[in-house]
Protein backbone atom coordinates (compact mmCIF):
# COMPACT_ATOMS: atom_id res chain seq x y z
CA UNK A 1 13.55 15.09 28.26
CA UNK A 2 11.22 17.20 30.32
CA UNK A 3 7.53 16.43 30.58
CA UNK A 4 6.79 19.63 28.65
CA UNK A 5 8.68 18.30 25.64
CA UNK A 6 7.44 14.75 25.84
CA UNK A 7 5.88 13.41 22.60
CA UNK A 8 2.92 12.19 24.66
CA UNK A 9 2.29 15.74 25.90
CA UNK A 10 0.72 16.96 22.63
CA UNK A 11 -1.46 13.86 22.33
CA UNK A 12 0.48 12.58 19.32
CA UNK A 13 2.05 9.22 19.89
CA UNK A 14 4.62 7.96 17.40
CA UNK A 15 3.34 5.03 15.39
CA UNK A 16 4.63 1.79 16.80
CA UNK A 17 5.82 -0.72 14.24
CA UNK A 18 4.42 -4.18 14.81
CA UNK A 19 6.33 -7.22 13.74
CA UNK A 20 3.35 -9.55 14.07
CA UNK A 21 -0.38 -8.95 13.68
CA UNK A 22 -3.39 -10.42 15.34
CA UNK A 23 -6.01 -11.97 13.09
CA UNK A 24 -8.17 -8.85 13.35
CA UNK A 25 -5.21 -6.56 12.51
CA UNK A 26 -4.21 -8.72 9.55
CA UNK A 27 -7.76 -8.77 8.21
CA UNK A 28 -8.11 -5.01 8.61
CA UNK A 29 -4.73 -4.33 6.97
CA UNK A 30 -5.52 -6.62 4.02
CA UNK A 31 -9.22 -5.78 3.78
CA UNK A 32 -10.50 -9.33 4.08
CA UNK A 33 -12.98 -10.81 6.50
CA UNK A 34 -12.08 -13.24 9.26
CA UNK A 35 -14.31 -15.79 7.51
CA UNK A 36 -12.34 -15.40 4.28
CA UNK A 37 -9.06 -15.81 6.17
CA UNK A 38 -10.18 -19.01 7.90
CA UNK A 39 -11.46 -20.31 4.56
CA UNK A 40 -8.05 -19.62 2.99
CA UNK A 41 -6.34 -21.50 5.84
CA UNK A 42 -8.74 -24.43 5.36
CA UNK A 43 -7.80 -24.49 1.65
CA UNK A 44 -4.09 -24.31 2.50
CA UNK A 45 -3.75 -20.86 0.90
CA UNK A 46 -3.64 -18.64 3.99
CA UNK A 47 -0.62 -16.87 5.42
CA UNK A 48 1.82 -18.64 7.74
CA UNK A 49 1.20 -18.01 11.42
CA UNK A 50 2.59 -18.90 14.80
CA UNK A 51 0.85 -19.47 18.09
CA UNK A 52 1.38 -17.08 20.95
CA UNK A 53 -0.22 -19.18 23.65
CA UNK A 54 -3.56 -19.97 22.05
CA UNK A 55 -3.60 -16.89 19.82
CA UNK A 56 -2.50 -16.88 16.18
CA UNK A 57 -0.07 -14.19 15.07
CA UNK A 58 0.98 -13.42 11.50
CA UNK A 59 4.43 -11.91 11.05
CA UNK A 60 5.05 -9.02 8.67
CA UNK A 61 7.21 -11.33 6.56
CA UNK A 62 4.49 -13.99 6.35
CA UNK A 63 1.91 -11.36 5.37
CA UNK A 64 4.20 -9.98 2.63
CA UNK A 65 4.89 -13.50 1.31
CA UNK A 66 1.15 -14.26 1.29
CA UNK A 67 0.37 -11.06 -0.64
CA UNK A 68 3.05 -11.94 -3.24
CA UNK A 69 1.64 -15.47 -3.56
CA UNK A 70 -1.92 -14.14 -3.98
CA UNK A 71 -0.76 -11.64 -6.59
CA UNK A 72 1.16 -14.33 -8.49
CA UNK A 73 -1.90 -16.61 -8.45
CA UNK A 74 -4.08 -13.78 -9.76
CA UNK A 75 -1.62 -13.07 -12.58
CA UNK A 76 -1.37 -16.75 -13.47
CA UNK A 77 -5.16 -17.07 -13.66
CA UNK A 78 -5.49 -13.88 -15.72
CA UNK A 79 -7.48 -12.14 -12.99
CA UNK A 80 -4.92 -9.35 -12.51
CA UNK A 81 -3.92 -6.69 -14.98
């Protein structure tokens, strides 16, 4: 592919799919604060994570499982409609 036809040439980069999120990315994607996330972990209700060195990462699968669990808990408590 020539440089003239490169996707980077027009300033539009294709969206890269992540398979794991940082804490900040997870919080932004799920619209919760870091404080709320750490509180959920302290209560044992936060998403699974793994350590990448000293940094926590949350996989897409763990995030999806967590959202399903949160939705099921909301339905069970009558908070969801």
